[in-house]
Amino acid sequence: MAIKITDECINCGACEPECPNNAIYEGGVEWAFADGTTVKGMVTLMDGTLLDAEQRNPPVENDTYYIVPNKCTECQGFHEEPQCAAVCPVDCCVPDEMYRETVEELLAKKEKLHI
């Protein structure tokens, strides 16, 4: 499953540079699939929605850092544990129950993000 950042976030920013998929953004910042990945063209989201990889999307959160679930792979294929959770000083990077994925699904997502 993807990782989420809870309301306990203190906006320290320690997590953002650790993400190999560039799935973490500062609150209020727009995101795109192309940010920090090799994705180009149209992308199918987990809910089946299509969007252009270069398209700027509204922030998921405005006040705290956030993780884009469609880009989060829990660091599978990169590290043994989610790096955001490993560096978070207040332990606010936790599994997101809304996005349950198997290791195989997470690795497939990683391959799509980094061709």
N, C-alpha and C. Protein backbone atom coordinates (compact mmCIF):
# COMPACT_ATOMS: atom_id res chain seq x y z
N MET A 1 0.85 -1.17 0.00
CA MET A 1 0.00 0.00 0.00
C MET A 1 0.89 1.23 0.00
N ALA A 2 0.34 2.31 -0.44
CA ALA A 2 1.07 3.57 -0.46
C ALA A 2 1.26 4.06 0.98
N ILE A 3 2.14 5.03 1.11
CA ILE A 3 2.37 5.67 2.40
C ILE A 3 1.65 7.02 2.38
N LYS A 4 1.18 7.45 3.53
CA LYS A 4 0.57 8.78 3.63
C LYS A 4 1.25 9.54 4.76
N ILE A 5 1.11 10.84 4.74
CA ILE A 5 1.65 11.70 5.78
C ILE A 5 0.46 12.20 6.60
N THR A 6 0.50 11.97 7.89
CA THR A 6 -0.62 12.33 8.77
C THR A 6 -0.54 13.80 9.18
N ASP A 7 -1.58 14.23 9.87
CA ASP A 7 -1.69 15.61 10.36
C ASP A 7 -0.61 15.98 11.38
N GLU A 8 0.09 14.99 11.90
CA GLU A 8 1.14 15.25 12.87
C GLU A 8 2.40 15.82 12.21
N CYS A 9 2.42 15.91 10.89
CA CYS A 9 3.57 16.42 10.14
C CYS A 9 3.96 17.80 10.65
N ILE A 10 5.27 18.00 10.89
CA ILE A 10 5.78 19.29 11.36
C ILE A 10 6.42 20.09 10.21
N ASN A 11 6.25 19.63 8.98
CA ASN A 11 6.78 20.32 7.80
C ASN A 11 8.29 20.49 7.82
N CYS A 12 9.00 19.50 8.32
CA CYS A 12 10.46 19.60 8.38
C CYS A 12 11.10 19.36 7.02
N GLY A 13 10.40 18.62 6.14
CA GLY A 13 10.91 18.37 4.80
C GLY A 13 11.93 17.25 4.69
N ALA A 14 12.20 16.53 5.76
CA ALA A 14 13.21 15.47 5.72
C ALA A 14 12.84 14.36 4.74
N CYS A 15 11.56 14.12 4.56
CA CYS A 15 11.10 13.02 3.71
C CYS A 15 11.25 13.29 2.22
N GLU A 16 11.04 14.52 1.81
CA GLU A 16 10.96 14.85 0.38
C GLU A 16 12.18 14.39 -0.43
N PRO A 17 13.41 14.72 -0.04
CA PRO A 17 14.55 14.30 -0.86
C PRO A 17 14.84 12.80 -0.81
N GLU A 18 14.24 12.09 0.13
CA GLU A 18 14.49 10.66 0.26
C GLU A 18 13.67 9.81 -0.70
N CYS A 19 12.62 10.37 -1.28
CA CYS A 19 11.70 9.59 -2.12
C CYS A 19 12.29 9.34 -3.50
N PRO A 20 12.50 8.08 -3.87
CA PRO A 20 13.08 7.77 -5.18
C PRO A 20 12.12 8.00 -6.34
N ASN A 21 10.84 8.19 -6.04
CA ASN A 21 9.83 8.40 -7.09
C ASN A 21 9.37 9.85 -7.19
N ASN A 22 9.93 10.71 -6.36
CA ASN A 22 9.50 12.10 -6.28
C ASN A 22 7.98 12.16 -6.07
N ALA A 23 7.50 11.34 -5.14
CA ALA A 23 6.07 11.27 -4.83
C ALA A 23 5.68 12.19 -3.68
N ILE A 24 6.66 12.83 -3.05
CA ILE A 24 6.41 13.68 -1.89
C ILE A 24 6.57 15.14 -2.30
N TYR A 25 5.57 15.93 -1.94
CA TYR A 25 5.55 17.35 -2.27
C TYR A 25 5.25 18.18 -1.04
N GLU A 26 5.75 19.40 -1.05
CA GLU A 26 5.42 20.35 0.02
C GLU A 26 3.97 20.77 -0.12
N GLY A 27 3.30 20.99 0.98
CA GLY A 27 1.91 21.41 0.95
C GLY A 27 1.70 22.61 0.05
N GLY A 28 0.64 22.57 -0.76
CA GLY A 28 0.32 23.66 -1.65
C GLY A 28 1.00 23.61 -3.00
N VAL A 29 1.94 22.69 -3.20
CA VAL A 29 2.68 22.59 -4.46
C VAL A 29 1.98 21.60 -5.39
N GLU A 30 1.79 22.01 -6.65
CA GLU A 30 1.20 21.12 -7.65
C GLU A 30 2.17 19.98 -7.96
N TRP A 31 1.63 18.85 -8.43
CA TRP A 31 2.45 17.69 -8.74
C TRP A 31 2.18 17.21 -10.16
N ALA A 32 3.14 16.42 -10.70
CA ALA A 32 2.99 15.79 -12.01
C ALA A 32 3.72 14.46 -12.00
N PHE A 33 3.23 13.52 -12.80
CA PHE A 33 3.90 12.22 -12.90
C PHE A 33 5.32 12.37 -13.42
N ALA A 34 5.54 13.31 -14.31
CA ALA A 34 6.85 13.48 -14.93
C ALA A 34 7.91 13.97 -13.94
N ASP A 35 7.48 14.57 -12.84
CA ASP A 35 8.44 15.06 -11.85
C ASP A 35 9.28 13.91 -11.30
N GLY A 36 10.58 13.92 -11.59
CA GLY A 36 11.49 12.93 -11.03
C GLY A 36 11.33 11.51 -11.56
N THR A 37 10.60 11.34 -12.65
CA THR A 37 10.43 10.02 -13.26
C THR A 37 10.75 10.11 -14.75
N THR A 38 10.66 8.98 -15.44
CA THR A 38 10.86 8.97 -16.88
C THR A 38 9.54 8.86 -17.63
N VAL A 39 8.44 9.01 -16.92
CA VAL A 39 7.11 8.86 -17.51
C VAL A 39 6.84 9.98 -18.51
N LYS A 40 6.33 9.60 -19.68
CA LYS A 40 5.94 10.55 -20.71
C LYS A 40 4.60 10.13 -21.28
N GLY A 41 3.87 11.06 -21.86
CA GLY A 41 2.60 10.74 -22.49
C GLY A 41 1.49 10.54 -21.47
N MET A 42 0.52 9.72 -21.85
CA MET A 42 -0.65 9.48 -21.01
C MET A 42 -0.36 8.42 -19.94
N VAL A 43 -0.92 8.65 -18.76
CA VAL A 43 -0.74 7.75 -17.62
C VAL A 43 -2.12 7.34 -17.12
N THR A 44 -2.26 6.05 -16.77
CA THR A 44 -3.50 5.56 -16.18
C THR A 44 -3.32 5.49 -14.68
N LEU A 45 -4.16 6.22 -13.95
CA LEU A 45 -4.11 6.21 -12.49
C LEU A 45 -4.71 4.92 -11.96
N MET A 46 -4.54 4.65 -10.67
CA MET A 46 -5.07 3.44 -10.05
C MET A 46 -6.58 3.35 -10.17
N ASP A 47 -7.26 4.50 -10.27
CA ASP A 47 -8.72 4.48 -10.39
C ASP A 47 -9.19 4.42 -11.85
N GLY A 48 -8.24 4.31 -12.79
CA GLY A 48 -8.58 4.21 -14.20
C GLY A 48 -8.58 5.53 -14.95
N THR A 49 -8.44 6.64 -14.24
CA THR A 49 -8.40 7.96 -14.86
C THR A 49 -7.14 8.11 -15.71
N LEU A 50 -7.26 8.73 -16.88
CA LEU A 50 -6.12 9.02 -17.73
C LEU A 50 -5.71 10.48 -17.57
N LEU A 51 -4.40 10.73 -17.52
CA LEU A 51 -3.92 12.09 -17.52
C LEU A 51 -2.54 12.15 -18.14
N ASP A 52 -2.18 13.32 -18.64
CA ASP A 52 -0.88 13.53 -19.25
C ASP A 52 0.17 13.61 -18.16
N ALA A 53 1.32 12.95 -18.36
CA ALA A 53 2.37 12.92 -17.36
C ALA A 53 2.90 14.31 -17.02
N GLU A 54 2.84 15.23 -17.96
CA GLU A 54 3.34 16.59 -17.74
C GLU A 54 2.31 17.50 -17.07
N GLN A 55 1.06 17.06 -17.02
CA GLN A 55 -0.01 17.88 -16.46
C GLN A 55 0.25 18.20 -15.00
N ARG A 56 0.12 19.47 -14.65
CA ARG A 56 0.24 19.89 -13.26
C ARG A 56 -1.10 19.64 -12.58
N ASN A 57 -1.07 18.96 -11.45
CA ASN A 57 -2.28 18.58 -10.73
C ASN A 57 -2.36 19.32 -9.41
N PRO A 58 -3.60 19.54 -8.93
CA PRO A 58 -3.75 20.28 -7.67
C PRO A 58 -3.09 19.54 -6.51
N PRO A 59 -2.59 20.29 -5.54
CA PRO A 59 -1.98 19.65 -4.37
C PRO A 59 -2.98 18.77 -3.64
N VAL A 60 -2.49 17.67 -3.08
CA VAL A 60 -3.32 16.79 -2.27
C VAL A 60 -3.59 17.45 -0.92
N GLU A 61 -2.61 18.18 -0.41
CA GLU A 61 -2.73 18.91 0.85
C GLU A 61 -2.19 20.32 0.64
N ASN A 62 -2.69 21.26 1.40
CA ASN A 62 -2.19 22.63 1.29
C ASN A 62 -1.30 23.04 2.45
N ASP A 63 -1.47 22.42 3.61
CA ASP A 63 -0.76 22.88 4.81
C ASP A 63 0.43 22.02 5.21
N THR A 64 0.47 20.76 4.77
CA THR A 64 1.57 19.88 5.15
C THR A 64 2.08 19.14 3.92
N TYR A 65 3.25 18.55 4.05
CA TYR A 65 3.79 17.72 2.99
C TYR A 65 2.79 16.60 2.70
N TYR A 66 2.80 16.10 1.47
CA TYR A 66 1.89 15.02 1.11
C TYR A 66 2.57 14.06 0.14
N ILE A 67 2.01 12.87 0.03
CA ILE A 67 2.50 11.83 -0.87
C ILE A 67 1.43 11.56 -1.91
N VAL A 68 1.83 11.53 -3.18
CA VAL A 68 0.91 11.19 -4.27
C VAL A 68 0.84 9.66 -4.32
N PRO A 69 -0.30 9.06 -3.95
CA PRO A 69 -0.40 7.60 -3.89
C PRO A 69 -0.08 6.91 -5.21
N ASN A 70 -0.43 7.54 -6.31
CA ASN A 70 -0.18 6.93 -7.62
C ASN A 70 1.30 6.88 -7.98
N LYS A 71 2.14 7.59 -7.25
CA LYS A 71 3.59 7.56 -7.49
C LYS A 71 4.34 6.80 -6.40
N CYS A 72 3.69 6.51 -5.27
CA CYS A 72 4.36 5.86 -4.14
C CYS A 72 4.47 4.35 -4.37
N THR A 73 5.69 3.84 -4.21
CA THR A 73 5.92 2.40 -4.32
C THR A 73 6.43 1.81 -3.00
N GLU A 74 6.31 2.56 -1.92
CA GLU A 74 6.86 2.15 -0.61
C GLU A 74 8.35 1.86 -0.71
N CYS A 75 9.01 2.44 -1.70
CA CYS A 75 10.44 2.27 -1.97
C CYS A 75 10.79 0.86 -2.42
N GLN A 76 9.79 0.06 -2.81
CA GLN A 76 10.05 -1.29 -3.32
C GLN A 76 10.97 -1.19 -4.54
N GLY A 77 11.98 -2.04 -4.58
CA GLY A 77 12.93 -2.05 -5.68
C GLY A 77 14.06 -1.04 -5.49
N PHE A 78 13.97 -0.22 -4.46
CA PHE A 78 15.00 0.77 -4.16
C PHE A 78 15.63 0.52 -2.79
N HIS A 79 14.78 0.36 -1.78
CA HIS A 79 15.22 0.22 -0.40
C HIS A 79 14.40 -0.86 0.30
N GLU A 80 14.85 -1.29 1.45
CA GLU A 80 14.15 -2.34 2.19
C GLU A 80 12.97 -1.83 2.98
N GLU A 81 12.88 -0.51 3.17
CA GLU A 81 11.76 0.09 3.89
C GLU A 81 11.48 1.46 3.30
N PRO A 82 10.27 1.96 3.48
CA PRO A 82 9.96 3.30 2.99
C PRO A 82 10.89 4.33 3.64
N GLN A 83 11.62 5.05 2.83
CA GLN A 83 12.60 6.00 3.35
C GLN A 83 11.97 7.20 4.03
N CYS A 84 10.78 7.60 3.59
CA CYS A 84 10.11 8.72 4.26
C CYS A 84 9.86 8.37 5.72
N ALA A 85 9.38 7.17 5.96
CA ALA A 85 9.10 6.74 7.34
C ALA A 85 10.38 6.60 8.15
N ALA A 86 11.45 6.15 7.48
CA ALA A 86 12.72 5.94 8.17
C ALA A 86 13.33 7.25 8.68
N VAL A 87 13.12 8.37 7.94
CA VAL A 87 13.74 9.63 8.33
C VAL A 87 12.80 10.57 9.07
N CYS A 88 11.53 10.26 9.14
CA CYS A 88 10.55 11.16 9.76
C CYS A 88 10.78 11.25 11.27
N PRO A 89 11.04 12.46 11.78
CA PRO A 89 11.30 12.60 13.22
C PRO A 89 10.06 12.47 14.10
N VAL A 90 8.86 12.54 13.51
CA VAL A 90 7.64 12.45 14.31
C VAL A 90 6.78 11.25 13.92
N ASP A 91 7.34 10.35 13.13
CA ASP A 91 6.65 9.11 12.72
C ASP A 91 5.27 9.36 12.11
N CYS A 92 5.17 10.34 11.21
CA CYS A 92 3.87 10.62 10.59
C CYS A 92 3.73 10.03 9.19
N CYS A 93 4.72 9.29 8.72
CA CYS A 93 4.63 8.60 7.43
C CYS A 93 4.21 7.16 7.72
N VAL A 94 2.95 6.87 7.41
CA VAL A 94 2.35 5.59 7.78
C VAL A 94 1.65 4.97 6.57
N PRO A 95 1.39 3.66 6.60
CA PRO A 95 0.67 3.03 5.48
C PRO A 95 -0.71 3.66 5.27
N ASP A 96 -1.06 3.84 4.01
CA ASP A 96 -2.35 4.43 3.64
C ASP A 96 -3.31 3.28 3.32
N GLU A 97 -4.25 3.04 4.22
CA GLU A 97 -5.18 1.92 4.10
C GLU A 97 -6.05 2.00 2.84
N MET A 98 -6.16 3.17 2.26
CA MET A 98 -7.00 3.34 1.07
C MET A 98 -6.34 2.77 -0.19
N TYR A 99 -5.03 2.54 -0.14
CA TYR A 99 -4.30 2.08 -1.32
C TYR A 99 -3.52 0.81 -1.00
N ARG A 100 -4.21 -0.30 -1.04
CA ARG A 100 -3.58 -1.59 -0.74
C ARG A 100 -3.04 -2.20 -2.03
N GLU A 101 -1.73 -2.50 -2.03
CA GLU A 101 -1.08 -3.08 -3.19
C GLU A 101 -0.12 -4.17 -2.73
N THR A 102 0.04 -5.18 -3.57
CA THR A 102 1.00 -6.25 -3.27
C THR A 102 2.39 -5.77 -3.65
N VAL A 103 3.39 -6.48 -3.19
CA VAL A 103 4.77 -6.17 -3.55
C VAL A 103 4.92 -6.20 -5.07
N GLU A 104 4.30 -7.18 -5.71
CA GLU A 104 4.38 -7.30 -7.17
C GLU A 104 3.77 -6.07 -7.85
N GLU A 105 2.65 -5.59 -7.33
CA GLU A 105 2.01 -4.39 -7.90
C GLU A 105 2.88 -3.16 -7.70
N LEU A 106 3.51 -3.06 -6.53
CA LEU A 106 4.38 -1.92 -6.25
C LEU A 106 5.61 -1.95 -7.16
N LEU A 107 6.17 -3.14 -7.39
CA LEU A 107 7.33 -3.25 -8.28
C LEU A 107 6.95 -2.93 -9.72
N ALA A 108 5.75 -3.33 -10.14
CA ALA A 108 5.27 -3.01 -11.48
C ALA A 108 5.09 -1.50 -11.63
N LYS A 109 4.59 -0.85 -10.59
CA LYS A 109 4.43 0.61 -10.60
C LYS A 109 5.80 1.27 -10.73
N LYS A 110 6.78 0.76 -9.98
CA LYS A 110 8.14 1.29 -10.04
C LYS A 110 8.68 1.21 -11.47
N GLU A 111 8.46 0.07 -12.13
CA GLU A 111 8.95 -0.10 -13.50
C GLU A 111 8.30 0.88 -14.46
N LYS A 112 7.05 1.23 -14.25
CA LYS A 112 6.36 2.20 -15.09
C LYS A 112 6.88 3.62 -14.86
N LEU A 113 7.29 3.90 -13.63
CA LEU A 113 7.80 5.23 -13.29
C LEU A 113 9.23 5.46 -13.76
N HIS A 114 9.99 4.39 -13.87
CA HIS A 114 11.42 4.50 -14.18
C HIS A 114 11.79 3.54 -15.31
N ILE A 115 11.39 3.90 -16.52
CA ILE A 115 11.64 3.03 -17.69
C ILE A 115 13.10 3.08 -18.08
